[in-house]
């Protein structure tokens, strides 16, 4: 399951998505810092496609 927290002028939104098969291809980081994704990368990630 992946959870995304977004904010706009009216408040916060929590989006969740679970894949029926497989797992999300999450990027690895050395220091577990925040990861920046482009809109295209996020779209592929949410579809369960390995975008790395």
PDB file of N, CA and C in Angstrom:
ATOM      1  N   UNK A   1       0.851  -1.165   0.000  1.00  0.00           N
ATOM      2  CA  UNK A   1       0.000   0.000   0.000  1.00  0.00           C
ATOM      3  C   UNK A   1       0.900   1.231   0.000  1.00  0.00           C
ATOM      4  N   UNK A   2       0.487   2.240  -0.741  1.00  0.00           N
ATOM      5  CA  UNK A   2       1.215   3.504  -0.760  1.00  0.00           C
ATOM      6  C   UNK A   2       0.261   4.590  -0.269  1.00  0.00           C
ATOM      7  N   UNK A   3       0.786   5.520   0.503  1.00  0.00           N
ATOM      8  CA  UNK A   3      -0.002   6.636   1.014  1.00  0.00           C
ATOM      9  C   UNK A   3       0.672   7.926   0.594  1.00  0.00           C
ATOM     10  N   UNK A   4      -0.128   8.875   0.098  1.00  0.00           N
ATOM     11  CA  UNK A   4       0.383  10.164  -0.347  1.00  0.00           C
ATOM     12  C   UNK A   4      -0.359  11.247   0.409  1.00  0.00           C
ATOM     13  N   UNK A   5       0.392  12.140   1.018  1.00  0.00           N
ATOM     14  CA  UNK A   5      -0.180  13.265   1.740  1.00  0.00           C
ATOM     15  C   UNK A   5       0.018  14.519   0.898  1.00  0.00           C
ATOM     16  N   UNK A   6      -1.074  15.190   0.555  1.00  0.00           N
ATOM     17  CA  UNK A   6      -1.022  16.395  -0.274  1.00  0.00           C
ATOM     18  C   UNK A   6      -1.680  17.545   0.482  1.00  0.00           C
ATOM     19  N   UNK A   7      -1.292  18.765   0.125  1.00  0.00           N
ATOM     20  CA  UNK A   7      -1.815  19.950   0.801  1.00  0.00           C
ATOM     21  C   UNK A   7      -2.208  20.995  -0.232  1.00  0.00           C
ATOM     22  N   UNK A   8      -3.318  21.669   0.004  1.00  0.00           N
ATOM     23  CA  UNK A   8      -3.673  22.842  -0.785  1.00  0.00           C
ATOM     24  C   UNK A   8      -4.184  23.903   0.182  1.00  0.00           C
ATOM     25  N   UNK A   9      -4.797  24.958  -0.328  1.00  0.00           N
ATOM     26  CA  UNK A   9      -5.239  26.074   0.519  1.00  0.00           C
ATOM     27  C   UNK A   9      -6.378  25.700   1.469  1.00  0.00           C
ATOM     28  N   UNK A  10      -7.047  24.586   1.223  1.00  0.00           N
ATOM     29  CA  UNK A  10      -8.170  24.201   2.067  1.00  0.00           C
ATOM     30  C   UNK A  10      -7.836  23.137   3.093  1.00  0.00           C
ATOM     31  N   UNK A  11      -6.661  22.516   2.981  1.00  0.00           N
ATOM     32  CA  UNK A  11      -6.286  21.508   3.962  1.00  0.00           C
ATOM     33  C   UNK A  11      -5.442  20.409   3.365  1.00  0.00           C
ATOM     34  N   UNK A  12      -5.361  19.296   4.104  1.00  0.00           N
ATOM     35  CA  UNK A  12      -4.566  18.140   3.688  1.00  0.00           C
ATOM     36  C   UNK A  12      -5.480  17.058   3.116  1.00  0.00           C
ATOM     37  N   UNK A  13      -4.917  16.280   2.204  1.00  0.00           N
ATOM     38  CA  UNK A  13      -5.608  15.136   1.618  1.00  0.00           C
ATOM     39  C   UNK A  13      -4.713  13.922   1.754  1.00  0.00           C
ATOM     40  N   UNK A  14      -5.296  12.795   2.090  1.00  0.00           N
ATOM     41  CA  UNK A  14      -4.562  11.542   2.171  1.00  0.00           C
ATOM     42  C   UNK A  14      -5.090  10.615   1.096  1.00  0.00           C
ATOM     43  N   UNK A  15      -4.220  10.233   0.170  1.00  0.00           N
ATOM     44  CA  UNK A  15      -4.566   9.309  -0.898  1.00  0.00           C
ATOM     45  C   UNK A  15      -3.895   7.978  -0.601  1.00  0.00           C
ATOM     46  N   UNK A  16      -4.607   6.889  -0.791  1.00  0.00           N
ATOM     47  CA  UNK A  16      -4.028   5.558  -0.606  1.00  0.00           C
ATOM     48  C   UNK A  16      -4.300   4.717  -1.848  1.00  0.00           C
ATOM     49  N   UNK A  17      -3.365   3.825  -2.142  1.00  0.00           N
ATOM     50  CA  UNK A  17      -3.540   2.914  -3.274  1.00  0.00           C
ATOM     51  C   UNK A  17      -2.881   1.597  -2.926  1.00  0.00           C
ATOM     52  N   UNK A  18      -3.572   0.528  -3.288  1.00  0.00           N
ATOM     53  CA  UNK A  18      -3.073  -0.823  -3.069  1.00  0.00           C
ATOM     54  C   UNK A  18      -3.118  -1.548  -4.407  1.00  0.00           C
ATOM     55  N   UNK A  19      -2.051  -2.228  -4.749  1.00  0.00           N
ATOM     56  CA  UNK A  19      -2.017  -3.017  -5.976  1.00  0.00           C
ATOM     57  C   UNK A  19      -2.644  -4.380  -5.714  1.00  0.00           C
ATOM     58  N   UNK A  20      -3.387  -4.879  -6.675  1.00  0.00           N
ATOM     59  CA  UNK A  20      -3.993  -6.199  -6.509  1.00  0.00           C
ATOM     60  C   UNK A  20      -2.953  -7.303  -6.679  1.00  0.00           C
ATOM     61  N   UNK A  21      -1.896  -7.022  -7.458  1.00  0.00           N
ATOM     62  CA  UNK A  21      -0.808  -7.986  -7.651  1.00  0.00           C
ATOM     63  C   UNK A  21       0.517  -7.232  -7.673  1.00  0.00           C
ATOM     64  N   UNK A  22       1.575  -7.872  -7.218  1.00  0.00           N
ATOM     65  CA  UNK A  22       2.905  -7.278  -7.266  1.00  0.00           C
ATOM     66  C   UNK A  22       3.132  -6.257  -6.167  1.00  0.00           C
ATOM     67  N   UNK A  23       4.134  -5.415  -6.377  1.00  0.00           N
ATOM     68  CA  UNK A  23       4.454  -4.389  -5.389  1.00  0.00           C
ATOM     69  C   UNK A  23       4.925  -3.124  -6.106  1.00  0.00           C
ATOM     70  N   UNK A  24       4.943  -2.025  -5.376  1.00  0.00           N
ATOM     71  CA  UNK A  24       5.380  -0.757  -5.928  1.00  0.00           C
ATOM     72  C   UNK A  24       6.906  -0.752  -6.062  1.00  0.00           C
ATOM     73  N   UNK A  25       7.407  -0.177  -7.150  1.00  0.00           N
ATOM     74  CA  UNK A  25       8.853  -0.073  -7.398  1.00  0.00           C
ATOM     75  C   UNK A  25       9.352   1.231  -6.789  1.00  0.00           C
ATOM     76  N   UNK A  26       9.679   1.196  -5.500  1.00  0.00           N
ATOM     77  CA  UNK A  26      10.100   2.394  -4.789  1.00  0.00           C
ATOM     78  C   UNK A  26      11.602   2.587  -4.947  1.00  0.00           C
ATOM     79  N   UNK A  27      12.064   3.835  -5.189  1.00  0.00           N
ATOM     80  CA  UNK A  27      13.499   4.081  -5.345  1.00  0.00           C
ATOM     81  C   UNK A  27      14.244   3.899  -4.027  1.00  0.00           C
ATOM     82  N   UNK A  28      15.470   3.431  -4.100  1.00  0.00           N
ATOM     83  CA  UNK A  28      16.286   3.282  -2.895  1.00  0.00           C
ATOM     84  C   UNK A  28      17.122   4.534  -2.695  1.00  0.00           C
ATOM     85  N   UNK A  29      17.301   4.920  -1.430  1.00  0.00           N
ATOM     86  CA  UNK A  29      18.130   6.066  -1.086  1.00  0.00           C
ATOM     87  C   UNK A  29      19.136   5.637  -0.038  1.00  0.00           C
ATOM     88  N   UNK A  30      20.247   6.346   0.011  1.00  0.00           N
ATOM     89  CA  UNK A  30      21.305   6.015   0.960  1.00  0.00           C
ATOM     90  C   UNK A  30      20.938   6.396   2.391  1.00  0.00           C
ATOM     91  N   UNK A  31      20.349   7.562   2.570  1.00  0.00           N
ATOM     92  CA  UNK A  31      20.083   8.056   3.923  1.00  0.00           C
ATOM     93  C   UNK A  31      18.591   8.102   4.273  1.00  0.00           C
ATOM     94  N   UNK A  32      17.741   7.441   3.484  1.00  0.00           N
ATOM     95  CA  UNK A  32      16.301   7.387   3.730  1.00  0.00           C
ATOM     96  C   UNK A  32      15.669   8.776   3.765  1.00  0.00           C
ATOM     97  N   UNK A  33      16.228   9.717   2.994  1.00  0.00           N
ATOM     98  CA  UNK A  33      15.675  11.068   2.912  1.00  0.00           C
ATOM     99  C   UNK A  33      14.448  11.060   2.004  1.00  0.00           C
ATOM    100  N   UNK A  34      13.828  12.197   1.870  1.00  0.00           N
ATOM    101  CA  UNK A  34      12.661  12.320   0.995  1.00  0.00           C
ATOM    102  C   UNK A  34      13.058  12.070  -0.455  1.00  0.00           C
ATOM    103  N   UNK A  35      12.125  11.574  -1.217  1.00  0.00           N
ATOM    104  CA  UNK A  35      12.357  11.269  -2.628  1.00  0.00           C
ATOM    105  C   UNK A  35      11.491  12.202  -3.464  1.00  0.00           C
ATOM    106  N   UNK A  36      12.090  12.819  -4.474  1.00  0.00           N
ATOM    107  CA  UNK A  36      11.340  13.690  -5.380  1.00  0.00           C
ATOM    108  C   UNK A  36      11.002  12.916  -6.650  1.00  0.00           C
ATOM    109  N   UNK A  37       9.737  13.001  -7.052  1.00  0.00           N
ATOM    110  CA  UNK A  37       9.274  12.322  -8.254  1.00  0.00           C
ATOM    111  C   UNK A  37       8.642  13.332  -9.198  1.00  0.00           C
ATOM    112  N   UNK A  38       8.789  13.107 -10.488  1.00  0.00           N
ATOM    113  CA  UNK A  38       8.074  13.917 -11.466  1.00  0.00           C
ATOM    114  C   UNK A  38       6.649  13.390 -11.573  1.00  0.00           C
ATOM    115  N   UNK A  39       5.786  14.131 -12.245  1.00  0.00           N
ATOM    116  CA  UNK A  39       4.410  13.667 -12.440  1.00  0.00           C
ATOM    117  C   UNK A  39       4.391  12.356 -13.206  1.00  0.00           C
ATOM    118  N   UNK A  40       5.270  12.245 -14.206  1.00  0.00           N
ATOM    119  CA  UNK A  40       5.331  11.017 -15.006  1.00  0.00           C
ATOM    120  C   UNK A  40       5.791   9.834 -14.154  1.00  0.00           C
ATOM    121  N   UNK A  41       6.826  10.047 -13.307  1.00  0.00           N
ATOM    122  CA  UNK A  41       7.312   8.987 -12.425  1.00  0.00           C
ATOM    123  C   UNK A  41       6.223   8.539 -11.455  1.00  0.00           C
ATOM    124  N   UNK A  42       5.499   9.484 -10.881  1.00  0.00           N
ATOM    125  CA  UNK A  42       4.426   9.160  -9.939  1.00  0.00           C
ATOM    126  C   UNK A  42       3.320   8.373 -10.632  1.00  0.00           C
ATOM    127  N   UNK A  43       2.969   8.763 -11.840  1.00  0.00           N
ATOM    128  CA  UNK A  43       1.940   8.058 -12.583  1.00  0.00           C
ATOM    129  C   UNK A  43       2.332   6.599 -12.829  1.00  0.00           C
ATOM    130  N   UNK A  44       3.574   6.369 -13.242  1.00  0.00           N
ATOM    131  CA  UNK A  44       4.053   5.005 -13.467  1.00  0.00           C
ATOM    132  C   UNK A  44       4.088   4.216 -12.158  1.00  0.00           C
ATOM    133  N   UNK A  45       4.555   4.853 -11.087  1.00  0.00           N
ATOM    134  CA  UNK A  45       4.615   4.201  -9.775  1.00  0.00           C
ATOM    135  C   UNK A  45       3.232   3.740  -9.332  1.00  0.00           C
ATOM    136  N   UNK A  46       2.236   4.594  -9.475  1.00  0.00           N
ATOM    137  CA  UNK A  46       0.878   4.262  -9.035  1.00  0.00           C
ATOM    138  C   UNK A  46       0.218   3.195  -9.899  1.00  0.00           C
ATOM    139  N   UNK A  47       0.705   3.017 -11.119  1.00  0.00           N
ATOM    140  CA  UNK A  47       0.182   1.955 -11.983  1.00  0.00           C
ATOM    141  C   UNK A  47       0.891   0.627 -11.745  1.00  0.00           C
ATOM    142  N   UNK A  48       1.933   0.634 -10.901  1.00  0.00           N
ATOM    143  CA  UNK A  48       2.650  -0.587 -10.599  1.00  0.00           C
ATOM    144  C   UNK A  48       3.737  -0.923 -11.611  1.00  0.00           C
ATOM    145  N   UNK A  49       4.086   0.058 -12.453  1.00  0.00           N
ATOM    146  CA  UNK A  49       5.114  -0.140 -13.486  1.00  0.00           C
ATOM    147  C   UNK A  49       6.484   0.217 -12.893  1.00  0.00           C
ATOM    148  N   UNK A  50       7.498  -0.623 -13.150  1.00  0.00           N
ATOM    149  CA  UNK A  50       8.841  -0.343 -12.647  1.00  0.00           C
ATOM    150  C   UNK A  50       9.455   0.773 -13.494  1.00  0.00           C
ATOM    151  N   UNK A  51       9.441   1.978 -13.008  1.00  0.00           N
ATOM    152  CA  UNK A  51       9.904   3.167 -13.740  1.00  0.00           C
ATOM    153  C   UNK A  51      11.385   3.459 -13.535  1.00  0.00           C
ATOM    154  N   UNK A  52      12.025   2.724 -12.634  1.00  0.00           N
ATOM    155  CA  UNK A  52      13.437   2.984 -12.365  1.00  0.00           C
ATOM    156  C   UNK A  52      14.238   2.574 -13.556  1.00  0.00           C
TER     157      UNK A  52
END
